[in-house]
Amino acid sequence: MKNYICMPCGWTYDPAVGDVDNGIAPGTAFDELPEDWTCPVCGAPKQLFEEEKLNR
């Protein structure tokens, strides 16, 4: 599963961790998040997240 970064604030959604404080269990892929889920730091909508690109 891939991490996704909130473009407005830089917070990273890590599927291995989830967003337990907001009812998202560890192991939940970004694509499985509810459409109304928002960044727990700045409140940005899911559409403002981008897939983390790993430099290799």
PDB file of N, CA and C in Angstrom:
ATOM      1  N   MET A   1       0.845  -1.187   0.000  1.00  0.00           N
ATOM      2  CA  MET A   1       0.000   0.000   0.000  1.00  0.00           C
ATOM      3  C   MET A   1       0.884   1.243   0.000  1.00  0.00           C
ATOM      4  N   LYS A   2       0.389   2.266  -0.648  1.00  0.00           N
ATOM      5  CA  LYS A   2       1.174   3.482  -0.827  1.00  0.00           C
ATOM      6  C   LYS A   2       0.737   4.564   0.154  1.00  0.00           C
ATOM      7  N   ASN A   3       1.699   5.405   0.526  1.00  0.00           N
ATOM      8  CA  ASN A   3       1.419   6.569   1.365  1.00  0.00           C
ATOM      9  C   ASN A   3       0.941   7.717   0.480  1.00  0.00           C
ATOM     10  N   TYR A   4       0.148   8.601   1.067  1.00  0.00           N
ATOM     11  CA  TYR A   4      -0.346   9.781   0.359  1.00  0.00           C
ATOM     12  C   TYR A   4      -0.079  11.011   1.213  1.00  0.00           C
ATOM     13  N   ILE A   5       0.343  12.094   0.555  1.00  0.00           N
ATOM     14  CA  ILE A   5       0.726  13.322   1.249  1.00  0.00           C
ATOM     15  C   ILE A   5      -0.323  14.406   1.013  1.00  0.00           C
ATOM     16  N   CYS A   6      -0.693  15.090   2.093  1.00  0.00           N
ATOM     17  CA  CYS A   6      -1.602  16.230   2.010  1.00  0.00           C
ATOM     18  C   CYS A   6      -0.812  17.403   1.441  1.00  0.00           C
ATOM     19  N   MET A   7      -1.212  17.880   0.280  1.00  0.00           N
ATOM     20  CA  MET A   7      -0.481  18.961  -0.374  1.00  0.00           C
ATOM     21  C   MET A   7      -0.531  20.287   0.407  1.00  0.00           C
ATOM     22  N   PRO A   8      -1.640  20.648   1.040  1.00  0.00           N
ATOM     23  CA  PRO A   8      -1.653  21.906   1.784  1.00  0.00           C
ATOM     24  C   PRO A   8      -0.740  21.925   3.027  1.00  0.00           C
ATOM     25  N   CYS A   9      -0.664  20.809   3.770  1.00  0.00           N
ATOM     26  CA  CYS A   9       0.081  20.860   5.038  1.00  0.00           C
ATOM     27  C   CYS A   9       1.254  19.888   5.133  1.00  0.00           C
ATOM     28  N   GLY A  10       1.328  18.896   4.244  1.00  0.00           N
ATOM     29  CA  GLY A  10       2.449  17.962   4.256  1.00  0.00           C
ATOM     30  C   GLY A  10       2.264  16.723   5.114  1.00  0.00           C
ATOM     31  N   TRP A  11       1.114  16.585   5.780  1.00  0.00           N
ATOM     32  CA  TRP A  11       0.862  15.389   6.593  1.00  0.00           C
ATOM     33  C   TRP A  11       0.776  14.169   5.678  1.00  0.00           C
ATOM     34  N   THR A  12       1.298  13.040   6.134  1.00  0.00           N
ATOM     35  CA  THR A  12       1.305  11.821   5.328  1.00  0.00           C
ATOM     36  C   THR A  12       0.317  10.804   5.883  1.00  0.00           C
ATOM     37  N   TYR A  13      -0.567  10.322   5.000  1.00  0.00           N
ATOM     38  CA  TYR A  13      -1.451   9.209   5.364  1.00  0.00           C
ATOM     39  C   TYR A  13      -0.697   7.919   5.085  1.00  0.00           C
ATOM     40  N   ASP A  14      -0.458   7.154   6.136  1.00  0.00           N
ATOM     41  CA  ASP A  14       0.221   5.864   6.044  1.00  0.00           C
ATOM     42  C   ASP A  14      -0.818   4.776   6.277  1.00  0.00           C
ATOM     43  N   PRO A  15      -1.144   3.972   5.264  1.00  0.00           N
ATOM     44  CA  PRO A  15      -2.176   2.949   5.424  1.00  0.00           C
ATOM     45  C   PRO A  15      -1.858   1.942   6.530  1.00  0.00           C
ATOM     46  N   ALA A  16      -0.587   1.711   6.807  1.00  0.00           N
ATOM     47  CA  ALA A  16      -0.219   0.765   7.867  1.00  0.00           C
ATOM     48  C   ALA A  16      -0.643   1.292   9.239  1.00  0.00           C
ATOM     49  N   VAL A  17      -0.755   2.614   9.357  1.00  0.00           N
ATOM     50  CA  VAL A  17      -1.136   3.246  10.623  1.00  0.00           C
ATOM     51  C   VAL A  17      -2.620   3.596  10.633  1.00  0.00           C
ATOM     52  N   GLY A  18      -3.153   3.991   9.481  1.00  0.00           N
ATOM     53  CA  GLY A  18      -4.544   4.431   9.392  1.00  0.00           C
ATOM     54  C   GLY A  18      -4.718   5.809  10.004  1.00  0.00           C
ATOM     55  N   ASP A  19      -5.925   6.100  10.446  1.00  0.00           N
ATOM     56  CA  ASP A  19      -6.265   7.359  11.123  1.00  0.00           C
ATOM     57  C   ASP A  19      -7.228   6.983  12.243  1.00  0.00           C
ATOM     58  N   VAL A  20      -6.689   6.279  13.228  1.00  0.00           N
ATOM     59  CA  VAL A  20      -7.494   5.681  14.291  1.00  0.00           C
ATOM     60  C   VAL A  20      -8.349   6.717  15.018  1.00  0.00           C
ATOM     61  N   ASP A  21      -7.805   7.918  15.216  1.00  0.00           N
ATOM     62  CA  ASP A  21      -8.568   8.962  15.919  1.00  0.00           C
ATOM     63  C   ASP A  21      -9.845   9.340  15.179  1.00  0.00           C
ATOM     64  N   ASN A  22      -9.884   9.067  13.871  1.00  0.00           N
ATOM     65  CA  ASN A  22     -11.056   9.391  13.062  1.00  0.00           C
ATOM     66  C   ASN A  22     -11.759   8.148  12.516  1.00  0.00           C
ATOM     67  N   GLY A  23     -11.530   7.008  13.162  1.00  0.00           N
ATOM     68  CA  GLY A  23     -12.261   5.793  12.824  1.00  0.00           C
ATOM     69  C   GLY A  23     -11.724   5.006  11.646  1.00  0.00           C
ATOM     70  N   ILE A  24     -10.489   5.307  11.200  1.00  0.00           N
ATOM     71  CA  ILE A  24      -9.903   4.588  10.074  1.00  0.00           C
ATOM     72  C   ILE A  24      -8.894   3.580  10.625  1.00  0.00           C
ATOM     73  N   ALA A  25      -9.195   2.315  10.474  1.00  0.00           N
ATOM     74  CA  ALA A  25      -8.367   1.247  11.045  1.00  0.00           C
ATOM     75  C   ALA A  25      -7.041   1.102  10.304  1.00  0.00           C
ATOM     76  N   PRO A  26      -5.994   0.693  11.026  1.00  0.00           N
ATOM     77  CA  PRO A  26      -4.735   0.365  10.354  1.00  0.00           C
ATOM     78  C   PRO A  26      -4.981  -0.674   9.269  1.00  0.00           C
ATOM     79  N   GLY A  27      -4.271  -0.545   8.160  1.00  0.00           N
ATOM     80  CA  GLY A  27      -4.449  -1.464   7.047  1.00  0.00           C
ATOM     81  C   GLY A  27      -5.446  -0.977   6.009  1.00  0.00           C
ATOM     82  N   THR A  28      -6.015   0.224   6.207  1.00  0.00           N
ATOM     83  CA  THR A  28      -6.977   0.780   5.265  1.00  0.00           C
ATOM     84  C   THR A  28      -6.241   1.534   4.157  1.00  0.00           C
ATOM     85  N   ALA A  29      -6.371   1.057   2.926  1.00  0.00           N
ATOM     86  CA  ALA A  29      -5.739   1.722   1.784  1.00  0.00           C
ATOM     87  C   ALA A  29      -6.385   3.082   1.561  1.00  0.00           C
ATOM     88  N   PHE A  30      -5.611   4.015   0.998  1.00  0.00           N
ATOM     89  CA  PHE A  30      -6.113   5.360   0.742  1.00  0.00           C
ATOM     90  C   PHE A  30      -7.372   5.308  -0.123  1.00  0.00           C
ATOM     91  N   ASP A  31      -7.385   4.449  -1.130  1.00  0.00           N
ATOM     92  CA  ASP A  31      -8.543   4.332  -2.023  1.00  0.00           C
ATOM     93  C   ASP A  31      -9.805   3.858  -1.304  1.00  0.00           C
ATOM     94  N   GLU A  32      -9.632   3.246  -0.133  1.00  0.00           N
ATOM     95  CA  GLU A  32     -10.772   2.738   0.630  1.00  0.00           C
ATOM     96  C   GLU A  32     -11.308   3.754   1.638  1.00  0.00           C
ATOM     97  N   LEU A  33     -10.641   4.893   1.767  1.00  0.00           N
ATOM     98  CA  LEU A  33     -11.124   5.918   2.695  1.00  0.00           C
ATOM     99  C   LEU A  33     -12.451   6.470   2.193  1.00  0.00           C
ATOM    100  N   PRO A  34     -13.343   6.837   3.112  1.00  0.00           N
ATOM    101  CA  PRO A  34     -14.617   7.435   2.688  1.00  0.00           C
ATOM    102  C   PRO A  34     -14.362   8.717   1.891  1.00  0.00           C
ATOM    103  N   GLU A  35     -15.231   9.022   0.947  1.00  0.00           N
ATOM    104  CA  GLU A  35     -15.063  10.220   0.120  1.00  0.00           C
ATOM    105  C   GLU A  35     -15.087  11.507   0.949  1.00  0.00           C
ATOM    106  N   ASP A  36     -15.753  11.487   2.109  1.00  0.00           N
ATOM    107  CA  ASP A  36     -15.834  12.695   2.937  1.00  0.00           C
ATOM    108  C   ASP A  36     -14.720  12.770   3.989  1.00  0.00           C
ATOM    109  N   TRP A  37     -13.773  11.822   3.945  1.00  0.00           N
ATOM    110  CA  TRP A  37     -12.639  11.857   4.871  1.00  0.00           C
ATOM    111  C   TRP A  37     -11.778  13.072   4.567  1.00  0.00           C
ATOM    112  N   THR A  38     -11.250  13.708   5.606  1.00  0.00           N
ATOM    113  CA  THR A  38     -10.396  14.881   5.429  1.00  0.00           C
ATOM    114  C   THR A  38      -9.122  14.727   6.238  1.00  0.00           C
ATOM    115  N   CYS A  39      -8.119  15.513   5.886  1.00  0.00           N
ATOM    116  CA  CYS A  39      -6.849  15.511   6.588  1.00  0.00           C
ATOM    117  C   CYS A  39      -7.092  15.818   8.067  1.00  0.00           C
ATOM    118  N   PRO A  40      -6.566  14.991   8.971  1.00  0.00           N
ATOM    119  CA  PRO A  40      -6.789  15.243  10.398  1.00  0.00           C
ATOM    120  C   PRO A  40      -6.019  16.457  10.927  1.00  0.00           C
ATOM    121  N   VAL A  41      -5.087  16.980  10.156  1.00  0.00           N
ATOM    122  CA  VAL A  41      -4.311  18.142  10.600  1.00  0.00           C
ATOM    123  C   VAL A  41      -4.932  19.451  10.113  1.00  0.00           C
ATOM    124  N   CYS A  42      -5.204  19.551   8.792  1.00  0.00           N
ATOM    125  CA  CYS A  42      -5.673  20.829   8.244  1.00  0.00           C
ATOM    126  C   CYS A  42      -7.095  20.788   7.692  1.00  0.00           C
ATOM    127  N   GLY A  43      -7.690  19.591   7.594  1.00  0.00           N
ATOM    128  CA  GLY A  43      -9.063  19.494   7.102  1.00  0.00           C
ATOM    129  C   GLY A  43      -9.204  19.467   5.596  1.00  0.00           C
ATOM    130  N   ALA A  44      -8.076  19.343   4.878  1.00  0.00           N
ATOM    131  CA  ALA A  44      -8.137  19.302   3.410  1.00  0.00           C
ATOM    132  C   ALA A  44      -8.866  18.036   2.949  1.00  0.00           C
ATOM    133  N   PRO A  45      -9.622  18.136   1.863  1.00  0.00           N
ATOM    134  CA  PRO A  45     -10.325  16.957   1.353  1.00  0.00           C
ATOM    135  C   PRO A  45      -9.365  15.953   0.721  1.00  0.00           C
ATOM    136  N   LYS A  46      -9.837  14.754   0.603  1.00  0.00           N
ATOM    137  CA  LYS A  46      -9.069  13.641   0.031  1.00  0.00           C
ATOM    138  C   LYS A  46      -8.483  13.976  -1.349  1.00  0.00           C
ATOM    139  N   GLN A  47      -9.181  14.807  -2.109  1.00  0.00           N
ATOM    140  CA  GLN A  47      -8.746  15.155  -3.463  1.00  0.00           C
ATOM    141  C   GLN A  47      -7.439  15.955  -3.475  1.00  0.00           C
ATOM    142  N   LEU A  48      -7.057  16.538  -2.335  1.00  0.00           N
ATOM    143  CA  LEU A  48      -5.837  17.338  -2.270  1.00  0.00           C
ATOM    144  C   LEU A  48      -4.627  16.530  -1.802  1.00  0.00           C
ATOM    145  N   PHE A  49      -4.752  15.219  -1.769  1.00  0.00           N
ATOM    146  CA  PHE A  49      -3.641  14.342  -1.423  1.00  0.00           C
ATOM    147  C   PHE A  49      -3.025  13.795  -2.701  1.00  0.00           C
ATOM    148  N   GLU A  50      -1.703  13.607  -2.673  1.00  0.00           N
ATOM    149  CA  GLU A  50      -1.004  13.010  -3.805  1.00  0.00           C
ATOM    150  C   GLU A  50      -0.178  11.824  -3.329  1.00  0.00           C
ATOM    151  N   GLU A  51      -0.063  10.851  -4.195  1.00  0.00           N
ATOM    152  CA  GLU A  51       0.726   9.669  -3.886  1.00  0.00           C
ATOM    153  C   GLU A  51       2.172  10.059  -3.619  1.00  0.00           C
ATOM    154  N   GLU A  52       2.722   9.494  -2.556  1.00  0.00           N
ATOM    155  CA  GLU A  52       4.116   9.767  -2.216  1.00  0.00           C
ATOM    156  C   GLU A  52       5.027   9.103  -3.243  1.00  0.00           C
ATOM    157  N   LYS A  53       5.932   9.880  -3.788  1.00  0.00           N
ATOM    158  CA  LYS A  53       6.893   9.352  -4.752  1.00  0.00           C
ATOM    159  C   LYS A  53       8.186   9.046  -4.029  1.00  0.00           C
ATOM    160  N   LEU A  54       8.650   7.826  -4.139  1.00  0.00           N
ATOM    161  CA  LEU A  54       9.889   7.430  -3.490  1.00  0.00           C
ATOM    162  C   LEU A  54      11.040   7.634  -4.442  1.00  0.00           C
ATOM    163  N   ASN A  55      12.083   8.290  -3.967  1.00  0.00           N
ATOM    164  CA  ASN A  55      13.281   8.482  -4.801  1.00  0.00           C
ATOM    165  C   ASN A  55      14.133   7.232  -4.721  1.00  0.00           C
ATOM    166  N   ARG A  56      14.397   6.659  -5.860  1.00  0.00           N
ATOM    167  CA  ARG A  56      15.211   5.438  -5.898  1.00  0.00           C
ATOM    168  C   ARG A  56      16.357   5.622  -6.832  1.00  0.00           C
TER     169      ARG A  56
END
